[in-house]
Amino acid sequence: MWQLFFDGASRTGPQGHVIAGVGVALVFPQNYVIPRAFSLTEPCSNNVAEYNALLIGMQIADEIGVKNLEAYGDSKLIVSQVCGEYEVRHEDLVPYFNATIFMAERFGNFYIDHV
């Protein structure tokens, strides 16, 4: 079982522009770590940044052939939406939620939890 740790953040920079980025770490079953960080090109909310982090991590895992994935993130909202505990109420999150569910189905086993 591979593990994915993801985090996204968005803030207003010194000139008033929104700056967003994501970080992911994939951990092999043998405890080897693949860390990645990305700047997002479009301004977005923290929740959109979190979804982007999860999706980027899942895409990397899929591309390298991971079949079983556990994902861990610090956004209770995102984790609870993907688990089906919360409904997606904000329209801007619906495409990210749908893409996450689509990606999750590409894995033999997918688990997500809040840390």
PDB file of N, CA and C in Angstrom:
ATOM      1  N   MET A   1       0.848  -1.177   0.000  1.00  0.00           N
ATOM      2  CA  MET A   1       0.000   0.000   0.000  1.00  0.00           C
ATOM      3  C   MET A   1       0.897   1.245   0.000  1.00  0.00           C
ATOM      4  N   TRP A   2       0.697   2.101  -0.983  1.00  0.00           N
ATOM      5  CA  TRP A   2       1.399   3.381  -1.058  1.00  0.00           C
ATOM      6  C   TRP A   2       0.640   4.412  -0.246  1.00  0.00           C
ATOM      7  N   GLN A   3       1.359   5.416   0.227  1.00  0.00           N
ATOM      8  CA  GLN A   3       0.737   6.510   0.954  1.00  0.00           C
ATOM      9  C   GLN A   3       0.981   7.823   0.221  1.00  0.00           C
ATOM     10  N   LEU A   4      -0.019   8.683   0.228  1.00  0.00           N
ATOM     11  CA  LEU A   4       0.070  10.017  -0.353  1.00  0.00           C
ATOM     12  C   LEU A   4      -0.278  11.019   0.732  1.00  0.00           C
ATOM     13  N   PHE A   5       0.629  11.958   0.973  1.00  0.00           N
ATOM     14  CA  PHE A   5       0.373  13.065   1.881  1.00  0.00           C
ATOM     15  C   PHE A   5       0.271  14.315   1.018  1.00  0.00           C
ATOM     16  N   PHE A   6      -0.807  15.079   1.195  1.00  0.00           N
ATOM     17  CA  PHE A   6      -1.025  16.238   0.325  1.00  0.00           C
ATOM     18  C   PHE A   6      -1.425  17.462   1.142  1.00  0.00           C
ATOM     19  N   ASP A   7      -1.066  18.634   0.613  1.00  0.00           N
ATOM     20  CA  ASP A   7      -1.445  19.888   1.240  1.00  0.00           C
ATOM     21  C   ASP A   7      -1.463  20.979   0.179  1.00  0.00           C
ATOM     22  N   GLY A   8      -2.387  21.885   0.303  1.00  0.00           N
ATOM     23  CA  GLY A   8      -2.484  23.025  -0.602  1.00  0.00           C
ATOM     24  C   GLY A   8      -2.701  24.278   0.215  1.00  0.00           C
ATOM     25  N   ALA A   9      -2.268  25.413  -0.330  1.00  0.00           N
ATOM     26  CA  ALA A   9      -2.434  26.685   0.378  1.00  0.00           C
ATOM     27  C   ALA A   9      -2.599  27.808  -0.624  1.00  0.00           C
ATOM     28  N   SER A  10      -3.328  28.815  -0.186  1.00  0.00           N
ATOM     29  CA  SER A  10      -3.566  29.996  -1.002  1.00  0.00           C
ATOM     30  C   SER A  10      -3.500  31.213  -0.081  1.00  0.00           C
ATOM     31  N   ARG A  11      -2.843  32.276  -0.535  1.00  0.00           N
ATOM     32  CA  ARG A  11      -2.763  33.489   0.282  1.00  0.00           C
ATOM     33  C   ARG A  11      -2.645  34.700  -0.624  1.00  0.00           C
ATOM     34  N   THR A  12      -2.853  35.858  -0.063  1.00  0.00           N
ATOM     35  CA  THR A  12      -2.691  37.096  -0.805  1.00  0.00           C
ATOM     36  C   THR A  12      -1.262  37.583  -0.622  1.00  0.00           C
ATOM     37  N   GLY A  13      -0.563  37.831  -1.738  1.00  0.00           N
ATOM     38  CA  GLY A  13       0.826  38.273  -1.705  1.00  0.00           C
ATOM     39  C   GLY A  13       0.939  39.761  -1.419  1.00  0.00           C
ATOM     40  N   PRO A  14       2.170  40.273  -1.367  1.00  0.00           N
ATOM     41  CA  PRO A  14       2.414  41.675  -1.025  1.00  0.00           C
ATOM     42  C   PRO A  14       1.742  42.686  -1.972  1.00  0.00           C
ATOM     43  N   GLN A  15       1.623  42.375  -3.246  1.00  0.00           N
ATOM     44  CA  GLN A  15       0.980  43.273  -4.206  1.00  0.00           C
ATOM     45  C   GLN A  15      -0.523  43.023  -4.333  1.00  0.00           C
ATOM     46  N   GLY A  16      -1.084  42.191  -3.477  1.00  0.00           N
ATOM     47  CA  GLY A  16      -2.517  41.931  -3.510  1.00  0.00           C
ATOM     48  C   GLY A  16      -2.929  40.804  -4.424  1.00  0.00           C
ATOM     49  N   HIS A  17      -1.974  40.122  -5.032  1.00  0.00           N
ATOM     50  CA  HIS A  17      -2.290  38.990  -5.901  1.00  0.00           C
ATOM     51  C   HIS A  17      -2.391  37.713  -5.074  1.00  0.00           C
ATOM     52  N   VAL A  18      -3.285  36.824  -5.488  1.00  0.00           N
ATOM     53  CA  VAL A  18      -3.427  35.540  -4.810  1.00  0.00           C
ATOM     54  C   VAL A  18      -2.327  34.599  -5.295  1.00  0.00           C
ATOM     55  N   ILE A  19      -1.630  34.006  -4.347  1.00  0.00           N
ATOM     56  CA  ILE A  19      -0.555  33.052  -4.629  1.00  0.00           C
ATOM     57  C   ILE A  19      -0.991  31.703  -4.068  1.00  0.00           C
ATOM     58  N   ALA A  20      -0.905  30.662  -4.880  1.00  0.00           N
ATOM     59  CA  ALA A  20      -1.339  29.336  -4.434  1.00  0.00           C
ATOM     60  C   ALA A  20      -0.306  28.291  -4.815  1.00  0.00           C
ATOM     61  N   GLY A  21      -0.180  27.283  -3.979  1.00  0.00           N
ATOM     62  CA  GLY A  21       0.738  26.198  -4.260  1.00  0.00           C
ATOM     63  C   GLY A  21       0.299  24.922  -3.574  1.00  0.00           C
ATOM     64  N   VAL A  22       0.915  23.831  -3.984  1.00  0.00           N
ATOM     65  CA  VAL A  22       0.585  22.529  -3.415  1.00  0.00           C
ATOM     66  C   VAL A  22       1.863  21.737  -3.165  1.00  0.00           C
ATOM     67  N   GLY A  23       1.766  20.828  -2.222  1.00  0.00           N
ATOM     68  CA  GLY A  23       2.853  19.909  -1.951  1.00  0.00           C
ATOM     69  C   GLY A  23       2.299  18.509  -1.786  1.00  0.00           C
ATOM     70  N   VAL A  24       3.015  17.547  -2.324  1.00  0.00           N
ATOM     71  CA  VAL A  24       2.630  16.150  -2.184  1.00  0.00           C
ATOM     72  C   VAL A  24       3.866  15.322  -1.867  1.00  0.00           C
ATOM     73  N   ALA A  25       3.653  14.262  -1.137  1.00  0.00           N
ATOM     74  CA  ALA A  25       4.717  13.299  -0.873  1.00  0.00           C
ATOM     75  C   ALA A  25       4.123  11.910  -1.027  1.00  0.00           C
ATOM     76  N   LEU A  26       4.689  11.145  -1.941  1.00  0.00           N
ATOM     77  CA  LEU A  26       4.296   9.746  -2.122  1.00  0.00           C
ATOM     78  C   LEU A  26       5.307   8.884  -1.392  1.00  0.00           C
ATOM     79  N   VAL A  27       4.814   7.946  -0.599  1.00  0.00           N
ATOM     80  CA  VAL A  27       5.690   7.084   0.182  1.00  0.00           C
ATOM     81  C   VAL A  27       5.514   5.650  -0.298  1.00  0.00           C
ATOM     82  N   PHE A  28       6.628   5.051  -0.782  1.00  0.00           N
ATOM     83  CA  PHE A  28       6.650   3.656  -1.205  1.00  0.00           C
ATOM     84  C   PHE A  28       6.405   2.776   0.003  1.00  0.00           C
ATOM     85  N   PRO A  29       5.952   1.554  -0.217  1.00  0.00           N
ATOM     86  CA  PRO A  29       5.835   0.606   0.899  1.00  0.00           C
ATOM     87  C   PRO A  29       7.165   0.384   1.625  1.00  0.00           C
ATOM     88  N   GLN A  30       8.291   0.579   0.945  1.00  0.00           N
ATOM     89  CA  GLN A  30       9.608   0.410   1.566  1.00  0.00           C
ATOM     90  C   GLN A  30      10.112   1.711   2.193  1.00  0.00           C
ATOM     91  N   ASN A  31       9.215   2.698   2.394  1.00  0.00           N
ATOM     92  CA  ASN A  31       9.495   3.988   3.024  1.00  0.00           C
ATOM     93  C   ASN A  31      10.377   4.921   2.203  1.00  0.00           C
ATOM     94  N   TYR A  32      10.481   4.699   0.905  1.00  0.00           N
ATOM     95  CA  TYR A  32      11.142   5.658   0.023  1.00  0.00           C
ATOM     96  C   TYR A  32      10.132   6.761  -0.282  1.00  0.00           C
ATOM     97  N   VAL A  33      10.576   8.026  -0.285  1.00  0.00           N
ATOM     98  CA  VAL A  33       9.658   9.159  -0.423  1.00  0.00           C
ATOM     99  C   VAL A  33       9.928   9.912  -1.730  1.00  0.00           C
ATOM    100  N   ILE A  34       8.847  10.231  -2.439  1.00  0.00           N
ATOM    101  CA  ILE A  34       8.913  11.092  -3.621  1.00  0.00           C
ATOM    102  C   ILE A  34       8.197  12.399  -3.266  1.00  0.00           C
ATOM    103  N   PRO A  35       8.962  13.473  -2.960  1.00  0.00           N
ATOM    104  CA  PRO A  35       8.312  14.750  -2.640  1.00  0.00           C
ATOM    105  C   PRO A  35       8.178  15.618  -3.891  1.00  0.00           C
ATOM    106  N   ARG A  36       7.093  16.367  -3.994  1.00  0.00           N
ATOM    107  CA  ARG A  36       6.884  17.281  -5.120  1.00  0.00           C
ATOM    108  C   ARG A  36       6.167  18.528  -4.613  1.00  0.00           C
ATOM    109  N   ALA A  37       6.515  19.674  -5.180  1.00  0.00           N
ATOM    110  CA  ALA A  37       5.846  20.943  -4.864  1.00  0.00           C
ATOM    111  C   ALA A  37       5.567  21.671  -6.173  1.00  0.00           C
ATOM    112  N   PHE A  38       4.425  22.336  -6.227  1.00  0.00           N
ATOM    113  CA  PHE A  38       4.005  23.025  -7.443  1.00  0.00           C
ATOM    114  C   PHE A  38       3.384  24.366  -7.090  1.00  0.00           C
ATOM    115  N   SER A  39       3.629  25.364  -7.915  1.00  0.00           N
ATOM    116  CA  SER A  39       2.903  26.627  -7.836  1.00  0.00           C
ATOM    117  C   SER A  39       1.718  26.520  -8.779  1.00  0.00           C
ATOM    118  N   LEU A  40       0.573  27.003  -8.343  1.00  0.00           N
ATOM    119  CA  LEU A  40      -0.607  26.995  -9.196  1.00  0.00           C
ATOM    120  C   LEU A  40      -0.630  28.294 -10.000  1.00  0.00           C
ATOM    121  N   THR A  41      -1.006  28.207 -11.259  1.00  0.00           N
ATOM    122  CA  THR A  41      -0.946  29.366 -12.149  1.00  0.00           C
ATOM    123  C   THR A  41      -2.152  30.278 -12.029  1.00  0.00           C
ATOM    124  N   GLU A  42      -3.255  29.776 -11.505  1.00  0.00           N
ATOM    125  CA  GLU A  42      -4.477  30.570 -11.375  1.00  0.00           C
ATOM    126  C   GLU A  42      -4.753  30.855  -9.896  1.00  0.00           C
ATOM    127  N   PRO A  43      -5.220  32.054  -9.586  1.00  0.00           N
ATOM    128  CA  PRO A  43      -5.622  32.324  -8.205  1.00  0.00           C
ATOM    129  C   PRO A  43      -6.780  31.413  -7.806  1.00  0.00           C
ATOM    130  N   CYS A  44      -6.782  30.967  -6.570  1.00  0.00           N
ATOM    131  CA  CYS A  44      -7.837  30.067  -6.121  1.00  0.00           C
ATOM    132  C   CYS A  44      -7.969  30.132  -4.609  1.00  0.00           C
ATOM    133  N   SER A  45      -9.023  29.518  -4.108  1.00  0.00           N
ATOM    134  CA  SER A  45      -9.252  29.426  -2.664  1.00  0.00           C
ATOM    135  C   SER A  45      -8.367  28.329  -2.067  1.00  0.00           C
ATOM    136  N   ASN A  46      -8.290  28.315  -0.739  1.00  0.00           N
ATOM    137  CA  ASN A  46      -7.558  27.249  -0.061  1.00  0.00           C
ATOM    138  C   ASN A  46      -8.149  25.883  -0.391  1.00  0.00           C
ATOM    139  N   ASN A  47      -9.470  25.792  -0.462  1.00  0.00           N
ATOM    140  CA  ASN A  47     -10.097  24.499  -0.735  1.00  0.00           C
ATOM    141  C   ASN A  47      -9.770  23.995  -2.141  1.00  0.00           C
ATOM    142  N   VAL A  48      -9.747  24.901  -3.116  1.00  0.00           N
ATOM    143  CA  VAL A  48      -9.366  24.501  -4.473  1.00  0.00           C
ATOM    144  C   VAL A  48      -7.898  24.076  -4.492  1.00  0.00           C
ATOM    145  N   ALA A  49      -7.045  24.771  -3.755  1.00  0.00           N
ATOM    146  CA  ALA A  49      -5.633  24.378  -3.671  1.00  0.00           C
ATOM    147  C   ALA A  49      -5.494  22.988  -3.050  1.00  0.00           C
ATOM    148  N   GLU A  50      -6.289  22.701  -2.021  1.00  0.00           N
ATOM    149  CA  GLU A  50      -6.245  21.374  -1.398  1.00  0.00           C
ATOM    150  C   GLU A  50      -6.667  20.286  -2.384  1.00  0.00           C
ATOM    151  N   TYR A  51      -7.751  20.519  -3.103  1.00  0.00           N
ATOM    152  CA  TYR A  51      -8.194  19.549  -4.116  1.00  0.00           C
ATOM    153  C   TYR A  51      -7.118  19.366  -5.179  1.00  0.00           C
ATOM    154  N   ASN A  52      -6.480  20.458  -5.609  1.00  0.00           N
ATOM    155  CA  ASN A  52      -5.408  20.345  -6.599  1.00  0.00           C
ATOM    156  C   ASN A  52      -4.262  19.494  -6.077  1.00  0.00           C
ATOM    157  N   ALA A  53      -3.912  19.676  -4.811  1.00  0.00           N
ATOM    158  CA  ALA A  53      -2.844  18.869  -4.219  1.00  0.00           C
ATOM    159  C   ALA A  53      -3.202  17.391  -4.257  1.00  0.00           C
ATOM    160  N   LEU A  54      -4.423  17.067  -3.861  1.00  0.00           N
ATOM    161  CA  LEU A  54      -4.867  15.672  -3.875  1.00  0.00           C
ATOM    162  C   LEU A  54      -4.853  15.114  -5.294  1.00  0.00           C
ATOM    163  N   LEU A  55      -5.397  15.873  -6.231  1.00  0.00           N
ATOM    164  CA  LEU A  55      -5.459  15.400  -7.618  1.00  0.00           C
ATOM    165  C   LEU A  55      -4.084  15.227  -8.239  1.00  0.00           C
ATOM    166  N   ILE A  56      -3.175  16.149  -7.980  1.00  0.00           N
ATOM    167  CA  ILE A  56      -1.811  16.030  -8.520  1.00  0.00           C
ATOM    168  C   ILE A  56      -1.137  14.788  -7.945  1.00  0.00           C
ATOM    169  N   GLY A  57      -1.282  14.574  -6.640  1.00  0.00           N
ATOM    170  CA  GLY A  57      -0.688  13.385  -6.020  1.00  0.00           C
ATOM    171  C   GLY A  57      -1.268  12.101  -6.579  1.00  0.00           C
ATOM    172  N   MET A  58      -2.586  12.081  -6.778  1.00  0.00           N
ATOM    173  CA  MET A  58      -3.228  10.895  -7.342  1.00  0.00           C
ATOM    174  C   MET A  58      -2.777  10.662  -8.782  1.00  0.00           C
ATOM    175  N   GLN A  59      -2.620  11.728  -9.539  1.00  0.00           N
ATOM    176  CA  GLN A  59      -2.178  11.592 -10.925  1.00  0.00           C
ATOM    177  C   GLN A  59      -0.757  11.040 -10.997  1.00  0.00           C
ATOM    178  N   ILE A  60       0.121  11.539 -10.140  1.00  0.00           N
ATOM    179  CA  ILE A  60       1.495  11.021 -10.104  1.00  0.00           C
ATOM    180  C   ILE A  60       1.479   9.536  -9.742  1.00  0.00           C
ATOM    181  N   ALA A  61       0.701   9.178  -8.731  1.00  0.00           N
ATOM    182  CA  ALA A  61       0.607   7.776  -8.314  1.00  0.00           C
ATOM    183  C   ALA A  61       0.101   6.906  -9.460  1.00  0.00           C
ATOM    184  N   ASP A  62      -0.912   7.385 -10.162  1.00  0.00           N
ATOM    185  CA  ASP A  62      -1.460   6.633 -11.294  1.00  0.00           C
ATOM    186  C   ASP A  62      -0.421   6.466 -12.399  1.00  0.00           C
ATOM    187  N   GLU A  63       0.304   7.529 -12.691  1.00  0.00           N
ATOM    188  CA  GLU A  63       1.297   7.493 -13.769  1.00  0.00           C
ATOM    189  C   GLU A  63       2.445   6.528 -13.491  1.00  0.00           C
ATOM    190  N   ILE A  64       2.776   6.325 -12.216  1.00  0.00           N
ATOM    191  CA  ILE A  64       3.870   5.393 -11.917  1.00  0.00           C
ATOM    192  C   ILE A  64       3.363   3.984 -11.613  1.00  0.00           C
ATOM    193  N   GLY A  65       2.057   3.777 -11.792  1.00  0.00           N
ATOM    194  CA  GLY A  65       1.511   2.431 -11.700  1.00  0.00           C
ATOM    195  C   GLY A  65       1.052   1.982 -10.332  1.00  0.00           C
ATOM    196  N   VAL A  66       0.837   2.904  -9.411  1.00  0.00           N
ATOM    197  CA  VAL A  66       0.350   2.533  -8.084  1.00  0.00           C
ATOM    198  C   VAL A  66      -1.063   1.964  -8.210  1.00  0.00           C
ATOM    199  N   LYS A  67      -1.321   0.869  -7.548  1.00  0.00           N
ATOM    200  CA  LYS A  67      -2.635   0.231  -7.586  1.00  0.00           C
ATOM    201  C   LYS A  67      -3.418   0.414  -6.290  1.00  0.00           C
ATOM    202  N   ASN A  68      -2.716   0.530  -5.168  1.00  0.00           N
ATOM    203  CA  ASN A  68      -3.348   0.678  -3.860  1.00  0.00           C
ATOM    204  C   ASN A  68      -2.806   1.941  -3.204  1.00  0.00           C
ATOM    205  N   LEU A  69      -3.705   2.879  -2.869  1.00  0.00           N
ATOM    206  CA  LEU A  69      -3.266   4.186  -2.390  1.00  0.00           C
ATOM    207  C   LEU A  69      -4.070   4.623  -1.172  1.00  0.00           C
ATOM    208  N   GLU A  70      -3.330   5.058  -0.147  1.00  0.00           N
ATOM    209  CA  GLU A  70      -3.913   5.713   1.021  1.00  0.00           C
ATOM    210  C   GLU A  70      -3.530   7.183   0.933  1.00  0.00           C
ATOM    211  N   ALA A  71      -4.503   8.092   1.027  1.00  0.00           N
ATOM    212  CA  ALA A  71      -4.233   9.526   0.946  1.00  0.00           C
ATOM    213  C   ALA A  71      -4.541  10.179   2.292  1.00  0.00           C
ATOM    214  N   TYR A  72      -3.680  11.105   2.696  1.00  0.00           N
ATOM    215  CA  TYR A  72      -3.839  11.802   3.961  1.00  0.00           C
ATOM    216  C   TYR A  72      -3.663  13.295   3.742  1.00  0.00           C
ATOM    217  N   GLY A  73      -4.629  14.080   4.221  1.00  0.00           N
ATOM    218  CA  GLY A  73      -4.557  15.522   4.091  1.00  0.00           C
ATOM    219  C   GLY A  73      -5.086  16.211   5.332  1.00  0.00           C
ATOM    220  N   ASP A  74      -4.771  17.506   5.462  1.00  0.00           N
ATOM    221  CA  ASP A  74      -5.179  18.241   6.649  1.00  0.00           C
ATOM    222  C   ASP A  74      -6.479  19.026   6.467  1.00  0.00           C
ATOM    223  N   SER A  75      -7.124  18.883   5.311  1.00  0.00           N
ATOM    224  CA  SER A  75      -8.395  19.565   5.078  1.00  0.00           C
ATOM    225  C   SER A  75      -9.550  18.631   5.422  1.00  0.00           C
ATOM    226  N   LYS A  76     -10.180  18.886   6.552  1.00  0.00           N
ATOM    227  CA  LYS A  76     -11.323  18.068   6.971  1.00  0.00           C
ATOM    228  C   LYS A  76     -12.438  18.150   5.936  1.00  0.00           C
ATOM    229  N   LEU A  77     -12.635  19.325   5.334  1.00  0.00           N
ATOM    230  CA  LEU A  77     -13.685  19.490   4.335  1.00  0.00           C
ATOM    231  C   LEU A  77     -13.454  18.578   3.133  1.00  0.00           C
ATOM    232  N   ILE A  78     -12.262  18.635   2.553  1.00  0.00           N
ATOM    233  CA  ILE A  78     -11.969  17.856   1.349  1.00  0.00           C
ATOM    234  C   ILE A  78     -12.069  16.359   1.650  1.00  0.00           C
ATOM    235  N   VAL A  79     -11.452  15.920   2.728  1.00  0.00           N
ATOM    236  CA  VAL A  79     -11.473  14.499   3.084  1.00  0.00           C
ATOM    237  C   VAL A  79     -12.913  14.035   3.313  1.00  0.00           C
ATOM    238  N   SER A  80     -13.700  14.825   4.033  1.00  0.00           N
ATOM    239  CA  SER A  80     -15.079  14.441   4.324  1.00  0.00           C
ATOM    240  C   SER A  80     -15.951  14.442   3.077  1.00  0.00           C
ATOM    241  N   GLN A  81     -15.684  15.341   2.130  1.00  0.00           N
ATOM    242  CA  GLN A  81     -16.430  15.328   0.878  1.00  0.00           C
ATOM    243  C   GLN A  81     -16.100  14.079   0.065  1.00  0.00           C
ATOM    244  N   VAL A  82     -14.822  13.754  -0.044  1.00  0.00           N
ATOM    245  CA  VAL A  82     -14.420  12.587  -0.832  1.00  0.00           C
ATOM    246  C   VAL A  82     -14.931  11.296  -0.183  1.00  0.00           C
ATOM    247  N   CYS A  83     -14.989  11.244   1.136  1.00  0.00           N
ATOM    248  CA  CYS A  83     -15.521  10.062   1.839  1.00  0.00           C
ATOM    249  C   CYS A  83     -17.037   9.968   1.740  1.00  0.00           C
ATOM    250  N   GLY A  84     -17.700  11.035   1.322  1.00  0.00           N
ATOM    251  CA  GLY A  84     -19.149  11.037   1.241  1.00  0.00           C
ATOM    252  C   GLY A  84     -19.840  11.473   2.515  1.00  0.00           C
ATOM    253  N   GLU A  85     -19.073  11.938   3.505  1.00  0.00           N
ATOM    254  CA  GLU A  85     -19.652  12.393   4.762  1.00  0.00           C
ATOM    255  C   GLU A  85     -20.271  13.791   4.636  1.00  0.00           C
ATOM    256  N   TYR A  86     -19.668  14.644   3.795  1.00  0.00           N
ATOM    257  CA  TYR A  86     -20.177  15.989   3.538  1.00  0.00           C
ATOM    258  C   TYR A  86     -20.574  16.072   2.077  1.00  0.00           C
ATOM    259  N   GLU A  87     -21.591  16.857   1.785  1.00  0.00           N
ATOM    260  CA  GLU A  87     -21.925  17.105   0.387  1.00  0.00           C
ATOM    261  C   GLU A  87     -21.124  18.309  -0.106  1.00  0.00           C
ATOM    262  N   VAL A  88     -20.939  18.379  -1.408  1.00  0.00           N
ATOM    263  CA  VAL A  88     -20.202  19.488  -2.014  1.00  0.00           C
ATOM    264  C   VAL A  88     -21.212  20.593  -2.300  1.00  0.00           C
ATOM    265  N   ARG A  89     -21.133  21.688  -1.554  1.00  0.00           N
ATOM    266  CA  ARG A  89     -22.115  22.761  -1.671  1.00  0.00           C
ATOM    267  C   ARG A  89     -21.639  23.910  -2.554  1.00  0.00           C
ATOM    268  N   HIS A  90     -20.344  24.135  -2.613  1.00  0.00           N
ATOM    269  CA  HIS A  90     -19.819  25.245  -3.405  1.00  0.00           C
ATOM    270  C   HIS A  90     -19.575  24.789  -4.839  1.00  0.00           C
ATOM    271  N   GLU A  91     -20.182  25.497  -5.776  1.00  0.00           N
ATOM    272  CA  GLU A  91     -20.101  25.113  -7.185  1.00  0.00           C
ATOM    273  C   GLU A  91     -18.668  25.051  -7.705  1.00  0.00           C
ATOM    274  N   ASP A  92     -17.778  25.902  -7.169  1.00  0.00           N
ATOM    275  CA  ASP A  92     -16.403  25.899  -7.659  1.00  0.00           C
ATOM    276  C   ASP A  92     -15.652  24.629  -7.266  1.00  0.00           C
ATOM    277  N   LEU A  93     -16.157  23.870  -6.289  1.00  0.00           N
ATOM    278  CA  LEU A  93     -15.494  22.628  -5.864  1.00  0.00           C
ATOM    279  C   LEU A  93     -16.013  21.387  -6.586  1.00  0.00           C
ATOM    280  N   VAL A  94     -17.184  21.476  -7.214  1.00  0.00           N
ATOM    281  CA  VAL A  94     -17.800  20.311  -7.851  1.00  0.00           C
ATOM    282  C   VAL A  94     -16.891  19.665  -8.900  1.00  0.00           C
ATOM    283  N   PRO A  95     -16.276  20.429  -9.829  1.00  0.00           N
ATOM    284  CA  PRO A  95     -15.413  19.763 -10.820  1.00  0.00           C
ATOM    285  C   PRO A  95     -14.210  19.061 -10.183  1.00  0.00           C
ATOM    286  N   TYR A  96     -13.677  19.622  -9.116  1.00  0.00           N
ATOM    287  CA  TYR A  96     -12.532  19.007  -8.442  1.00  0.00           C
ATOM    288  C   TYR A  96     -12.965  17.735  -7.715  1.00  0.00           C
ATOM    289  N   PHE A  97     -14.124  17.786  -7.076  1.00  0.00           N
ATOM    290  CA  PHE A  97     -14.665  16.600  -6.417  1.00  0.00           C
ATOM    291  C   PHE A  97     -14.896  15.483  -7.436  1.00  0.00           C
ATOM    292  N   ASN A  98     -15.546  15.819  -8.554  1.00  0.00           N
ATOM    293  CA  ASN A  98     -15.829  14.812  -9.587  1.00  0.00           C
ATOM    294  C   ASN A  98     -14.542  14.210 -10.143  1.00  0.00           C
ATOM    295  N   ALA A  99     -13.541  15.051 -10.375  1.00  0.00           N
ATOM    296  CA  ALA A  99     -12.255  14.550 -10.883  1.00  0.00           C
ATOM    297  C   ALA A  99     -11.587  13.636  -9.863  1.00  0.00           C
ATOM    298  N   THR A 100     -11.712  13.973  -8.576  1.00  0.00           N
ATOM    299  CA  THR A 100     -11.120  13.142  -7.525  1.00  0.00           C
ATOM    300  C   THR A 100     -11.788  11.772  -7.480  1.00  0.00           C
ATOM    301  N   ILE A 101     -13.099  11.735  -7.560  1.00  0.00           N
ATOM    302  CA  ILE A 101     -13.820  10.455  -7.550  1.00  0.00           C
ATOM    303  C   ILE A 101     -13.427   9.629  -8.772  1.00  0.00           C
ATOM    304  N   PHE A 102     -13.329  10.269  -9.935  1.00  0.00           N
ATOM    305  CA  PHE A 102     -12.904   9.579 -11.157  1.00  0.00           C
ATOM    306  C   PHE A 102     -11.504   8.980 -10.978  1.00  0.00           C
ATOM    307  N   MET A 103     -10.582   9.778 -10.425  1.00  0.00           N
ATOM    308  CA  MET A 103      -9.214   9.279 -10.217  1.00  0.00           C
ATOM    309  C   MET A 103      -9.195   8.144  -9.195  1.00  0.00           C
ATOM    310  N   ALA A 104      -9.982   8.258  -8.144  1.00  0.00           N
ATOM    311  CA  ALA A 104     -10.003   7.217  -7.103  1.00  0.00           C
ATOM    312  C   ALA A 104     -10.411   5.869  -7.676  1.00  0.00           C
ATOM    313  N   GLU A 105     -11.298   5.898  -8.671  1.00  0.00           N
ATOM    314  CA  GLU A 105     -11.756   4.655  -9.291  1.00  0.00           C
ATOM    315  C   GLU A 105     -10.683   3.986 -10.133  1.00  0.00           C
ATOM    316  N   ARG A 106      -9.603   4.687 -10.439  1.00  0.00           N
ATOM    317  CA  ARG A 106      -8.498   4.112 -11.219  1.00  0.00           C
ATOM    318  C   ARG A 106      -7.621   3.188 -10.366  1.00  0.00           C
ATOM    319  N   PHE A 107      -7.758   3.290  -9.048  1.00  0.00           N
ATOM    320  CA  PHE A 107      -6.953   2.468  -8.143  1.00  0.00           C
ATOM    321  C   PHE A 107      -7.750   1.237  -7.719  1.00  0.00           C
ATOM    322  N   GLY A 108      -7.047   0.134  -7.494  1.00  0.00           N
ATOM    323  CA  GLY A 108      -7.708  -1.073  -7.000  1.00  0.00           C
ATOM    324  C   GLY A 108      -8.307  -0.826  -5.627  1.00  0.00           C
ATOM    325  N   ASN A 109      -7.552  -0.138  -4.792  1.00  0.00           N
ATOM    326  CA  ASN A 109      -7.996   0.250  -3.452  1.00  0.00           C
ATOM    327  C   ASN A 109      -7.614   1.702  -3.228  1.00  0.00           C
ATOM    328  N   PHE A 110      -8.556   2.491  -2.741  1.00  0.00           N
ATOM    329  CA  PHE A 110      -8.282   3.887  -2.415  1.00  0.00           C
ATOM    330  C   PHE A 110      -8.910   4.203  -1.082  1.00  0.00           C
ATOM    331  N   TYR A 111      -8.108   4.823  -0.221  1.00  0.00           N
ATOM    332  CA  TYR A 111      -8.539   5.202   1.125  1.00  0.00           C
ATOM    333  C   TYR A 111      -8.075   6.628   1.362  1.00  0.00           C
ATOM    334  N   ILE A 112      -8.900   7.443   2.013  1.00  0.00           N
ATOM    335  CA  ILE A 112      -8.507   8.803   2.342  1.00  0.00           C
ATOM    336  C   ILE A 112      -8.875   9.086   3.790  1.00  0.00           C
ATOM    337  N   ASP A 113      -7.998   9.835   4.482  1.00  0.00           N
ATOM    338  CA  ASP A 113      -8.254  10.152   5.880  1.00  0.00           C
ATOM    339  C   ASP A 113      -7.660  11.518   6.199  1.00  0.00           C
ATOM    340  N   HIS A 114      -8.182  12.100   7.259  1.00  0.00           N
ATOM    341  CA  HIS A 114      -7.745  13.408   7.737  1.00  0.00           C
ATOM    342  C   HIS A 114      -6.603  13.245   8.734  1.00  0.00           C
ATOM    343  N   VAL A 115      -5.587  14.092   8.614  1.00  0.00           N
ATOM    344  CA  VAL A 115      -4.490  14.095   9.596  1.00  0.00           C
ATOM    345  C   VAL A 115      -4.363  15.473  10.199  1.00  0.00           C
TER     346      VAL A 115
END
